[in-house]
C-alpha atoms as a PDB file:
ATOM      1  CA  UNK A   1      -7.132   1.169  28.068  1.00  0.00           C
ATOM      2  CA  UNK A   2     -10.865   0.706  28.502  1.00  0.00           C
ATOM      3  CA  UNK A   3     -10.489  -2.884  27.272  1.00  0.00           C
ATOM      4  CA  UNK A   4      -7.862  -3.442  29.952  1.00  0.00           C
ATOM      5  CA  UNK A   5     -10.360  -2.487  32.636  1.00  0.00           C
ATOM      6  CA  UNK A   6      -9.353   1.056  33.570  1.00  0.00           C
ATOM      7  CA  UNK A   7     -12.363   3.081  34.773  1.00  0.00           C
ATOM      8  CA  UNK A   8     -13.459   6.101  32.669  1.00  0.00           C
ATOM      9  CA  UNK A   9     -12.934   8.529  35.557  1.00  0.00           C
ATOM     10  CA  UNK A  10      -9.235   7.620  35.550  1.00  0.00           C
ATOM     11  CA  UNK A  11      -8.851   7.676  31.774  1.00  0.00           C
ATOM     12  CA  UNK A  12     -10.557  10.966  30.970  1.00  0.00           C
ATOM     13  CA  UNK A  13      -8.062  13.281  32.741  1.00  0.00           C
ATOM     14  CA  UNK A  14      -5.138  11.343  31.279  1.00  0.00           C
ATOM     15  CA  UNK A  15      -6.508  11.544  27.737  1.00  0.00           C
ATOM     16  CA  UNK A  16      -7.319  15.239  28.146  1.00  0.00           C
ATOM     17  CA  UNK A  17      -3.740  15.905  29.213  1.00  0.00           C
ATOM     18  CA  UNK A  18      -2.384  13.846  26.300  1.00  0.00           C
ATOM     19  CA  UNK A  19      -4.480  15.943  23.901  1.00  0.00           C
ATOM     20  CA  UNK A  20      -3.243  19.185  25.504  1.00  0.00           C
ATOM     21  CA  UNK A  21       0.388  18.295  24.908  1.00  0.00           C
ATOM     22  CA  UNK A  22      -0.280  16.873  21.438  1.00  0.00           C
ATOM     23  CA  UNK A  23       0.215  13.192  22.175  1.00  0.00           C
ATOM     24  CA  UNK A  24      -3.251  12.224  20.963  1.00  0.00           C
ATOM     25  CA  UNK A  25      -4.040  13.572  17.517  1.00  0.00           C
ATOM     26  CA  UNK A  26      -5.817  11.195  15.141  1.00  0.00           C
ATOM     27  CA  UNK A  27      -5.326  13.463  12.119  1.00  0.00           C
ATOM     28  CA  UNK A  28      -1.574  13.755  12.680  1.00  0.00           C
ATOM     29  CA  UNK A  29      -1.298  10.029  13.385  1.00  0.00           C
ATOM     30  CA  UNK A  30      -3.235   9.164  10.220  1.00  0.00           C
ATOM     31  CA  UNK A  31      -1.101  11.528   8.139  1.00  0.00           C
ATOM     32  CA  UNK A  32       2.102  10.045   9.528  1.00  0.00           C
ATOM     33  CA  UNK A  33       0.841   6.525   8.867  1.00  0.00           C
ATOM     34  CA  UNK A  34      -0.044   7.379   5.253  1.00  0.00           C
ATOM     35  CA  UNK A  35       3.377   8.964   4.640  1.00  0.00           C
ATOM     36  CA  UNK A  36       5.351   6.092   6.104  1.00  0.00           C
ATOM     37  CA  UNK A  37       3.299   3.213   4.715  1.00  0.00           C
ATOM     38  CA  UNK A  38       3.235   4.679   1.230  1.00  0.00           C
ATOM     39  CA  UNK A  39       6.744   6.116   1.171  1.00  0.00           C
ATOM     40  CA  UNK A  40       8.654   3.336   2.883  1.00  0.00           C
ATOM     41  CA  UNK A  41       6.609   0.226   2.176  1.00  0.00           C
ATOM     42  CA  UNK A  42       4.955   1.251  -1.068  1.00  0.00           C
ATOM     43  CA  UNK A  43       1.466   0.362   0.132  1.00  0.00           C
ATOM     44  CA  UNK A  44      -1.489   1.462  -1.971  1.00  0.00           C
ATOM     45  CA  UNK A  45      -4.182   3.857  -0.791  1.00  0.00           C
ATOM     46  CA  UNK A  46      -6.565   0.908  -0.432  1.00  0.00           C
ATOM     47  CA  UNK A  47      -4.189  -1.023   1.833  1.00  0.00           C
ATOM     48  CA  UNK A  48      -3.462   2.058   3.938  1.00  0.00           C
ATOM     49  CA  UNK A  49      -7.198   2.810   4.270  1.00  0.00           C
ATOM     50  CA  UNK A  50      -7.760  -0.692   5.621  1.00  0.00           C
ATOM     51  CA  UNK A  51      -4.966  -0.236   8.135  1.00  0.00           C
ATOM     52  CA  UNK A  52      -6.380   3.113   9.261  1.00  0.00           C
ATOM     53  CA  UNK A  53      -9.797   1.501   9.768  1.00  0.00           C
ATOM     54  CA  UNK A  54      -8.236  -1.323  11.809  1.00  0.00           C
ATOM     55  CA  UNK A  55      -6.532   1.265  13.988  1.00  0.00           C
ATOM     56  CA  UNK A  56      -9.816   3.039  14.699  1.00  0.00           C
ATOM     57  CA  UNK A  57      -9.354   6.162  12.571  1.00  0.00           C
ATOM     58  CA  UNK A  58     -12.713   7.563  11.441  1.00  0.00           C
ATOM     59  CA  UNK A  59     -13.479   7.702   7.707  1.00  0.00           C
ATOM     60  CA  UNK A  60     -13.306  11.508   7.381  1.00  0.00           C
ATOM     61  CA  UNK A  61      -9.889  11.700   9.035  1.00  0.00           C
ATOM     62  CA  UNK A  62      -8.652   8.753   6.968  1.00  0.00           C
ATOM     63  CA  UNK A  63      -9.883  10.305   3.725  1.00  0.00           C
ATOM     64  CA  UNK A  64      -8.178  13.581   4.537  1.00  0.00           C
ATOM     65  CA  UNK A  65      -4.907  11.810   5.311  1.00  0.00           C
ATOM     66  CA  UNK A  66      -5.123   9.649   2.181  1.00  0.00           C
ATOM     67  CA  UNK A  67      -5.485  12.773   0.042  1.00  0.00           C
ATOM     68  CA  UNK A  68      -1.705  13.149   0.426  1.00  0.00           C
ATOM     69  CA  UNK A  69      -1.316  10.323  -2.102  1.00  0.00           C
ATOM     70  CA  UNK A  70      -2.852  10.791  -5.539  1.00  0.00           C
ATOM     71  CA  UNK A  71      -3.159   8.274  -8.382  1.00  0.00           C
ATOM     72  CA  UNK A  72       0.115   9.392  -9.947  1.00  0.00           C
ATOM     73  CA  UNK A  73       1.988   8.941  -6.657  1.00  0.00           C
ATOM     74  CA  UNK A  74       0.461   5.522  -6.258  1.00  0.00           C
ATOM     75  CA  UNK A  75       1.358   4.433  -9.809  1.00  0.00           C
ATOM     76  CA  UNK A  76       4.901   5.734  -9.379  1.00  0.00           C
ATOM     77  CA  UNK A  77       5.340   3.807  -6.127  1.00  0.00           C
ATOM     78  CA  UNK A  78       4.025   0.644  -7.794  1.00  0.00           C
ATOM     79  CA  UNK A  79       6.364   1.166 -10.764  1.00  0.00           C
ATOM     80  CA  UNK A  80       9.315   1.534  -8.395  1.00  0.00           C
ATOM     81  CA  UNK A  81       8.353  -1.723  -6.668  1.00  0.00           C
ATOM     82  CA  UNK A  82       8.093  -3.491 -10.040  1.00  0.00           C
ATOM     83  CA  UNK A  83      11.504  -2.241 -11.145  1.00  0.00           C
ATOM     84  CA  UNK A  84      13.176  -3.312  -7.919  1.00  0.00           C
ATOM     85  CA  UNK A  85      11.556  -6.750  -7.979  1.00  0.00           C
ATOM     86  CA  UNK A  86      12.379  -7.291 -11.658  1.00  0.00           C
ATOM     87  CA  UNK A  87      16.025  -6.577 -10.919  1.00  0.00           C
ATOM     88  CA  UNK A  88      16.004  -9.344  -8.293  1.00  0.00           C
ATOM     89  CA  UNK A  89      14.284 -11.885 -10.533  1.00  0.00           C
ATOM     90  CA  UNK A  90      16.517 -11.615 -13.594  1.00  0.00           C
ATOM     91  CA  UNK A  91      17.147 -15.039 -15.060  1.00  0.00           C
ATOM     92  CA  UNK A  92      13.869 -16.570 -13.914  1.00  0.00           C
ATOM     93  CA  UNK A  93      11.162 -17.701 -16.287  1.00  0.00           C
ATOM     94  CA  UNK A  94       8.957 -14.865 -17.563  1.00  0.00           C
ATOM     95  CA  UNK A  95       5.806 -16.436 -16.114  1.00  0.00           C
ATOM     96  CA  UNK A  96       7.440 -16.865 -12.711  1.00  0.00           C
ATOM     97  CA  UNK A  97       8.677 -13.274 -12.683  1.00  0.00           C
ATOM     98  CA  UNK A  98       5.260 -11.953 -13.671  1.00  0.00           C
ATOM     99  CA  UNK A  99       3.395 -14.071 -11.133  1.00  0.00           C
ATOM    100  CA  UNK A 100       5.699 -13.079  -8.285  1.00  0.00           C
ATOM    101  CA  UNK A 101       5.572  -9.372  -9.033  1.00  0.00           C
ATOM    102  CA  UNK A 102       1.816  -9.210  -9.630  1.00  0.00           C
ATOM    103  CA  UNK A 103       1.323 -11.167  -6.390  1.00  0.00           C
ATOM    104  CA  UNK A 104       3.606  -8.812  -4.475  1.00  0.00           C
ATOM    105  CA  UNK A 105       1.683  -5.783  -5.735  1.00  0.00           C
ATOM    106  CA  UNK A 106      -1.635  -7.440  -4.883  1.00  0.00           C
ATOM    107  CA  UNK A 107      -0.454  -7.997  -1.306  1.00  0.00           C
ATOM    108  CA  UNK A 108       0.358  -4.292  -1.125  1.00  0.00           C
ATOM    109  CA  UNK A 109      -3.189  -3.428  -2.212  1.00  0.00           C
ATOM    110  CA  UNK A 110      -2.702  -2.580  -5.887  1.00  0.00           C
ATOM    111  CA  UNK A 111      -5.339  -3.569  -8.422  1.00  0.00           C
ATOM    112  CA  UNK A 112      -4.559  -6.515 -10.703  1.00  0.00           C
ATOM    113  CA  UNK A 113      -5.006  -4.358 -13.814  1.00  0.00           C
ATOM    114  CA  UNK A 114      -2.479  -1.748 -12.640  1.00  0.00           C
ATOM    115  CA  UNK A 115      -0.059  -4.442 -11.505  1.00  0.00           C
ATOM    116  CA  UNK A 116      -0.204  -6.338 -14.760  1.00  0.00           C
ATOM    117  CA  UNK A 117       0.087  -3.252 -16.940  1.00  0.00           C
ATOM    118  CA  UNK A 118       3.145  -2.023 -15.017  1.00  0.00           C
ATOM    119  CA  UNK A 119       4.796  -5.443 -15.173  1.00  0.00           C
ATOM    120  CA  UNK A 120       4.161  -5.602 -18.917  1.00  0.00           C
ATOM    121  CA  UNK A 121       5.606  -2.122 -19.453  1.00  0.00           C
ATOM    122  CA  UNK A 122       8.727  -2.822 -17.446  1.00  0.00           C
ATOM    123  CA  UNK A 123       9.284  -6.228 -19.054  1.00  0.00           C
ATOM    124  CA  UNK A 124       8.932  -4.611 -22.491  1.00  0.00           C
ATOM    125  CA  UNK A 125      11.466  -1.995 -21.417  1.00  0.00           C
ATOM    126  CA  UNK A 126      13.835  -4.859 -20.518  1.00  0.00           C
ATOM    127  CA  UNK A 127      13.246  -6.408 -23.922  1.00  0.00           C
ATOM    128  CA  UNK A 128      11.328  -9.372 -22.540  1.00  0.00           C
ATOM    129  CA  UNK A 129       8.269 -10.465 -24.448  1.00  0.00           C
ATOM    130  CA  UNK A 130       5.797 -13.228 -23.672  1.00  0.00           C
ATOM    131  CA  UNK A 131       5.014 -16.162 -25.940  1.00  0.00           C
ATOM    132  CA  UNK A 132       2.214 -15.424 -28.375  1.00  0.00           C
ATOM    133  CA  UNK A 133       0.261 -18.506 -27.271  1.00  0.00           C
ATOM    134  CA  UNK A 134       0.068 -17.728 -23.570  1.00  0.00           C
ATOM    135  CA  UNK A 135       0.602 -14.035 -22.864  1.00  0.00           C
ATOM    136  CA  UNK A 136       2.044 -13.554 -19.403  1.00  0.00           C
ATOM    137  CA  UNK A 137       1.352 -17.077 -18.314  1.00  0.00           C
ATOM    138  CA  UNK A 138      -2.436 -16.807 -18.305  1.00  0.00           C
ATOM    139  CA  UNK A 139      -2.542 -13.560 -16.361  1.00  0.00           C
ATOM    140  CA  UNK A 140      -4.613 -11.799 -19.038  1.00  0.00           C
ATOM    141  CA  UNK A 141      -7.824 -12.849 -17.350  1.00  0.00           C
ATOM    142  CA  UNK A 142      -7.086 -10.744 -14.244  1.00  0.00           C
END
């Protein structure tokens, strides 16, 4: 509201009242954002941390909120995303499937190594195997 030109003497009482009734709570907001972004969209901790920073949440509050998601939760969410995407790409070339899924995970903030290892595991589970000459379409250098 400051950017919109409202004077501080008008804003302070309003913000104080919002805090009294629980409408302004950065910790609760950050926690809610972590739960929804991770649970519904499957975003990684790194992607959520960037979003929290963009929204003006301080680092301590963000770190506390991000503690809700551990490495196992993150890997499980990524695995779920891989499985769902693999189901939609059945019939496509192995390289195309791999590239699309690794790219999707990268856009959600997952590391290339985690993305590639999960894709490999799930493709192996499906019985798919890459050509010996060019494993996963050149993605080994990620």
